[in-house]
Amino acid sequence: MPGKTTQIGEWKIHYELTGSGNHDVFLMPGALGSTRTDFALQLERLNSTNLLKVVAWDPPGYGYSRPPDRTYPLEFFKRDADVAAKLLQQVLNFKEVSVVGWSDGGIVAMILAADYPDLVKKLVIFGANSYVTEEDLKLYEGVRDVAAWSPRMRAPMEQVYGAEYFKVTWSKWVDAMKLIYDTNGGNICKEKLSKIRCPTLVIHGKKDPMVPQFHSDFLIQNIKNVIYHEYEDGKHNLHQKYADDFNGRVEKFILENEN
């Protein structure tokens, strides 16, 4: 286990911390993601100025934040945001934090910023969406069977979870997104966007096979204080493929207009 664990309610939460700067940064991974599978290149290389303190977590039921196993109640994104707030405020004693969220972590980050506006001072989101459509569900169903994934895509997850937990939990995630579509008309957190008051950087990969362009368009139209960057050839894992450029942009955004 690379980091530390703490107990928050029923959840054992694992997190990693690098750097000792005065600017606190929180990295939020995607579905089934963890500190190292999703953010190794940020934990190791984001802090070029040595002005940051960078923390990444394994959300409840993911990575080393087990047991208990992951669950997907209808409001699981909100649950994760509340657990994250407790980690940041009560365990790490952060007063203000810049939050970087990828995919599902971007969704949780938007909810966190909306519900805890005094905590989140800057927000970076990429590969994220505030609602799901029928088109999205077809994309998710197309990748439900992890046996059809390339070995390169499967290997990091199976190394963390074992083949069976990974297969079952990923399928439960697809079911959870379908439940949101069937129950909420696809709405995840659209009503939260207008409540985000911190400066926000939205990043999108134009060739993202999981999150179509219309989702990023909706975010930049509905978040007030937003700037946008896109990678012409970027896919869902743009922060890994373009790690140095991504890290530089994020670090510059975080430190902009800061003492």
Protein backbone atom coordinates (compact mmCIF):
# COMPACT_ATOMS: atom_id res chain seq x y z
CA MET A 1 0.00 0.00 0.00
CA PRO A 2 1.68 3.22 -1.16
CA GLY A 3 -0.02 5.74 1.15
CA LYS A 4 -1.98 6.10 4.39
CA THR A 5 -5.46 5.03 5.46
CA THR A 6 -8.05 6.66 7.69
CA GLN A 7 -11.56 5.72 8.75
CA ILE A 8 -14.43 7.98 7.63
CA GLY A 9 -17.78 6.57 8.72
CA GLU A 10 -18.07 3.04 7.38
CA TRP A 11 -15.27 3.56 4.85
CA LYS A 12 -11.57 2.88 5.14
CA ILE A 13 -10.08 5.59 2.93
CA HIS A 14 -6.62 5.35 1.37
CA TYR A 15 -4.76 8.43 0.21
CA GLU A 16 -1.29 9.49 -0.93
CA LEU A 17 0.43 12.80 -0.33
CA THR A 18 3.44 14.31 -2.13
CA GLY A 19 5.08 17.69 -1.83
CA SER A 20 5.09 20.17 1.04
CA GLY A 21 4.07 23.44 -0.58
CA ASN A 22 1.44 25.89 0.64
CA HIS A 23 -1.06 25.24 -2.17
CA ASP A 24 -3.15 22.14 -1.46
CA VAL A 25 -4.28 20.06 -4.46
CA PHE A 26 -6.65 17.08 -4.42
CA LEU A 27 -6.71 14.52 -7.26
CA MET A 28 -9.98 12.62 -7.78
CA PRO A 29 -9.81 9.45 -9.95
CA GLY A 30 -12.42 7.98 -12.25
CA ALA A 31 -14.59 4.86 -12.08
CA LEU A 32 -12.68 2.06 -10.32
CA GLY A 33 -9.70 4.40 -10.32
CA SER A 34 -7.08 4.77 -7.62
CA THR A 35 -4.11 6.95 -6.78
CA ARG A 36 -1.60 5.05 -8.90
CA THR A 37 -3.75 3.68 -11.73
CA ASP A 38 -5.09 7.15 -12.53
CA PHE A 39 -2.66 9.74 -11.23
CA ALA A 40 0.86 8.29 -10.97
CA LEU A 41 2.20 10.87 -13.44
CA GLN A 42 0.62 13.70 -11.48
CA LEU A 43 1.76 12.49 -8.06
CA GLU A 44 5.28 12.23 -9.43
CA ARG A 45 5.49 15.23 -11.78
CA LEU A 46 2.73 17.80 -11.24
CA ASN A 47 4.63 19.88 -8.67
CA SER A 48 7.45 21.39 -10.79
CA THR A 49 7.50 24.60 -8.72
CA ASN A 50 7.57 22.83 -5.34
CA LEU A 51 4.76 25.18 -4.31
CA LEU A 52 2.10 22.46 -4.14
CA LYS A 53 1.06 19.78 -1.70
CA VAL A 54 -0.64 17.09 -3.81
CA VAL A 55 -3.04 14.51 -2.39
CA ALA A 56 -4.79 11.73 -4.29
CA TRP A 57 -7.36 9.32 -2.87
CA ASP A 58 -9.00 6.01 -3.58
CA PRO A 59 -12.77 6.67 -3.43
CA PRO A 60 -14.92 4.41 -1.22
CA GLY A 61 -14.69 0.78 -2.36
CA TYR A 62 -11.96 1.48 -4.93
CA GLY A 63 -8.24 0.73 -4.81
CA TYR A 64 -7.02 0.30 -1.23
CA SER A 65 -10.18 1.91 0.21
CA ARG A 66 -11.53 -1.58 0.88
CA PRO A 67 -13.20 -3.27 2.64
CA PRO A 68 -16.11 -2.70 2.37
CA ASP A 69 -16.66 -3.30 -1.33
CA ARG A 70 -17.90 -0.55 -3.62
CA THR A 71 -21.64 0.16 -3.68
CA TYR A 72 -23.68 2.22 -6.14
CA PRO A 73 -26.77 3.74 -4.53
CA LEU A 74 -28.55 6.30 -6.69
CA GLU A 75 -26.70 9.20 -5.00
CA PHE A 76 -23.24 7.60 -4.99
CA PHE A 77 -21.57 10.66 -6.53
CA LYS A 78 -22.91 12.87 -3.74
CA ARG A 79 -21.85 10.28 -1.14
CA ASP A 80 -18.30 10.32 -2.51
CA ALA A 81 -18.23 14.13 -2.43
CA ASP A 82 -19.27 14.16 1.23
CA VAL A 83 -16.64 11.55 2.17
CA ALA A 84 -14.01 13.55 0.27
CA ALA A 85 -14.97 16.72 2.14
CA LYS A 86 -14.48 14.94 5.46
CA LEU A 87 -11.06 13.67 4.34
CA LEU A 88 -9.99 17.15 3.28
CA GLN A 89 -11.40 19.09 6.23
CA GLN A 90 -11.23 16.70 9.18
CA VAL A 91 -8.27 14.45 8.38
CA LEU A 92 -5.97 16.65 6.29
CA ASN A 93 -7.11 19.94 7.87
CA PHE A 94 -7.22 21.72 4.51
CA LYS A 95 -8.90 25.13 4.61
CA GLU A 96 -8.90 25.67 0.84
CA VAL A 97 -7.98 23.24 -1.91
CA SER A 98 -7.68 23.10 -5.69
CA VAL A 99 -9.47 20.01 -6.94
CA VAL A 100 -8.55 18.06 -10.09
CA GLY A 101 -11.16 15.49 -11.18
CA TRP A 102 -11.06 12.97 -14.01
CA SER A 103 -14.18 11.28 -15.43
CA ASP A 104 -16.31 10.14 -12.45
CA GLY A 105 -13.85 12.06 -10.28
CA GLY A 106 -14.72 15.16 -12.28
CA ILE A 107 -18.40 14.62 -11.49
CA VAL A 108 -17.63 14.24 -7.77
CA ALA A 109 -15.38 17.31 -7.97
CA MET A 110 -18.18 19.44 -9.43
CA ILE A 111 -20.54 18.36 -6.63
CA LEU A 112 -17.83 19.04 -4.06
CA ALA A 113 -17.23 22.53 -5.46
CA ALA A 114 -20.96 23.32 -5.51
CA ASP A 115 -21.75 21.95 -2.05
CA TYR A 116 -18.56 23.10 -0.28
CA PRO A 117 -17.81 26.46 -1.97
CA ASP A 118 -15.60 27.71 0.86
CA LEU A 119 -13.42 24.62 0.59
CA VAL A 120 -12.82 24.41 -3.16
CA LYS A 121 -10.84 27.43 -4.40
CA LYS A 122 -10.10 26.17 -7.94
CA LEU A 123 -11.48 23.33 -10.03
CA VAL A 124 -10.02 21.35 -12.93
CA ILE A 125 -12.28 18.80 -14.64
CA PHE A 126 -11.70 16.62 -17.67
CA GLY A 127 -13.47 13.64 -19.21
CA ALA A 128 -16.51 14.50 -17.08
CA ASN A 129 -20.25 14.89 -17.65
CA SER A 130 -23.16 16.26 -15.64
CA TYR A 131 -25.79 13.97 -17.16
CA VAL A 132 -26.10 10.76 -19.18
CA THR A 133 -27.93 10.21 -22.44
CA GLU A 134 -29.07 7.19 -24.39
CA GLU A 135 -25.97 7.64 -26.53
CA ASP A 136 -23.79 7.47 -23.41
CA LEU A 137 -25.49 4.27 -22.23
CA LYS A 138 -24.72 2.63 -25.57
CA LEU A 139 -21.06 3.58 -25.13
CA TYR A 140 -21.04 2.10 -21.62
CA GLU A 141 -22.75 -1.10 -22.72
CA GLY A 142 -20.14 -1.41 -25.45
CA VAL A 143 -17.39 -1.68 -22.84
CA ARG A 144 -19.30 -3.60 -20.14
CA ASP A 145 -17.53 -6.89 -20.92
CA VAL A 146 -13.99 -6.30 -19.67
CA ALA A 147 -12.87 -9.55 -21.29
CA ALA A 148 -13.15 -7.66 -24.59
CA TRP A 149 -10.81 -4.91 -23.37
CA SER A 150 -7.21 -4.95 -24.55
CA PRO A 151 -4.79 -6.60 -22.10
CA ARG A 152 -3.03 -3.22 -21.75
CA MET A 153 -6.26 -1.57 -20.53
CA ARG A 154 -7.27 -4.47 -18.28
CA ALA A 155 -3.94 -5.17 -16.62
CA PRO A 156 -3.69 -2.17 -14.23
CA MET A 157 -7.23 -2.76 -12.94
CA GLU A 158 -6.79 -6.51 -12.54
CA GLN A 159 -3.54 -5.90 -10.70
CA VAL A 160 -5.39 -3.76 -8.14
CA TYR A 161 -8.64 -5.74 -7.88
CA GLY A 162 -8.17 -9.20 -9.27
CA ALA A 163 -10.08 -10.23 -12.38
CA GLU A 164 -13.38 -11.12 -10.68
CA TYR A 165 -13.87 -8.00 -8.52
CA PHE A 166 -12.93 -5.82 -11.45
CA LYS A 167 -15.39 -7.54 -13.81
CA VAL A 168 -18.28 -7.52 -11.34
CA THR A 169 -17.73 -3.96 -10.08
CA TRP A 170 -17.34 -2.48 -13.55
CA SER A 171 -20.61 -4.13 -14.62
CA LYS A 172 -22.27 -2.67 -11.50
CA TRP A 173 -21.02 0.77 -12.54
CA VAL A 174 -22.70 0.39 -15.95
CA ASP A 175 -25.90 -0.65 -14.14
CA ALA A 176 -25.61 2.42 -11.88
CA MET A 177 -25.43 4.77 -14.85
CA LYS A 178 -28.49 3.10 -16.35
CA LEU A 179 -30.30 3.56 -13.03
CA ILE A 180 -29.51 7.29 -13.11
CA TYR A 181 -30.89 7.47 -16.65
CA ASP A 182 -34.05 5.53 -15.78
CA THR A 183 -34.70 7.27 -12.43
CA ASN A 184 -33.44 10.83 -12.91
CA GLY A 185 -33.88 11.18 -16.65
CA GLY A 186 -30.12 11.02 -16.89
CA ASN A 187 -29.43 13.99 -14.62
CA ILE A 188 -26.38 13.58 -12.41
CA CYS A 189 -25.58 17.09 -11.24
CA LYS A 190 -26.80 19.64 -13.80
CA GLU A 191 -28.40 21.77 -11.09
CA LYS A 192 -25.04 22.02 -9.28
CA LEU A 193 -23.19 23.75 -12.12
CA SER A 194 -24.62 27.21 -11.49
CA LYS A 195 -23.53 26.90 -7.85
CA ILE A 196 -19.85 26.46 -8.71
CA ARG A 197 -18.31 29.83 -7.98
CA CYS A 198 -14.58 29.07 -8.06
CA PRO A 199 -12.40 29.53 -11.17
CA THR A 200 -12.78 26.38 -13.27
CA LEU A 201 -10.63 24.86 -16.00
CA VAL A 202 -12.47 22.40 -18.27
CA ILE A 203 -10.23 20.21 -20.44
CA HIS A 204 -11.50 17.95 -23.20
CA GLY A 205 -9.97 15.45 -25.59
CA LYS A 206 -11.70 15.79 -28.96
CA LYS A 207 -11.29 12.06 -29.62
CA ASP A 208 -12.58 10.94 -26.20
CA PRO A 209 -14.52 7.72 -26.92
CA MET A 210 -16.32 7.79 -23.54
CA VAL A 211 -17.35 11.45 -23.16
CA PRO A 212 -18.65 13.16 -26.32
CA GLN A 213 -17.99 16.85 -26.99
CA PHE A 214 -21.53 17.93 -26.06
CA HIS A 215 -20.81 17.18 -22.41
CA SER A 216 -17.87 19.60 -22.25
CA ASP A 217 -19.92 22.15 -24.18
CA PHE A 218 -22.66 21.92 -21.55
CA LEU A 219 -20.17 22.43 -18.73
CA ILE A 220 -18.58 25.55 -20.22
CA GLN A 221 -22.04 26.99 -20.96
CA ASN A 222 -23.30 26.46 -17.41
CA ILE A 223 -20.30 27.03 -15.12
CA LYS A 224 -19.84 30.77 -14.56
CA ASN A 225 -16.11 31.35 -14.14
CA VAL A 226 -14.68 28.91 -16.67
CA ILE A 227 -11.82 28.63 -19.13
CA TYR A 228 -11.50 25.83 -21.67
CA HIS A 229 -8.70 23.87 -23.28
CA GLU A 230 -8.93 20.97 -25.68
CA TYR A 231 -6.47 18.46 -27.04
CA GLU A 232 -7.15 17.90 -30.73
CA ASP A 233 -6.03 14.25 -30.63
CA GLY A 234 -6.76 13.70 -26.93
CA LYS A 235 -8.76 10.71 -25.75
CA HIS A 236 -10.12 9.87 -22.32
CA ASN A 237 -6.68 9.48 -20.73
CA LEU A 238 -5.30 12.80 -21.99
CA HIS A 239 -3.59 13.54 -18.65
CA GLN A 240 -1.47 10.43 -19.14
CA LYS A 241 -0.72 10.76 -22.86
CA TYR A 242 0.07 14.48 -22.60
CA ALA A 243 1.24 14.39 -18.99
CA ASP A 244 3.89 17.11 -19.13
CA ASP A 245 1.71 19.60 -21.02
CA PHE A 246 -1.32 18.75 -18.88
CA ASN A 247 0.65 19.09 -15.63
CA GLY A 248 2.09 22.43 -16.72
CA ARG A 249 -1.32 23.84 -17.62
CA VAL A 250 -2.90 22.64 -14.39
CA GLU A 251 -0.08 23.91 -12.20
CA LYS A 252 -0.14 27.31 -13.92
CA PHE A 253 -3.92 27.53 -13.47
CA ILE A 254 -3.70 26.60 -9.79
CA LEU A 255 -0.99 29.15 -9.05
CA GLU A 256 -2.45 31.97 -11.16
CA ASN A 257 -3.24 35.07 -9.09
CA GLU A 258 -2.02 33.32 -5.93
CA ASN A 259 0.54 34.72 -3.53
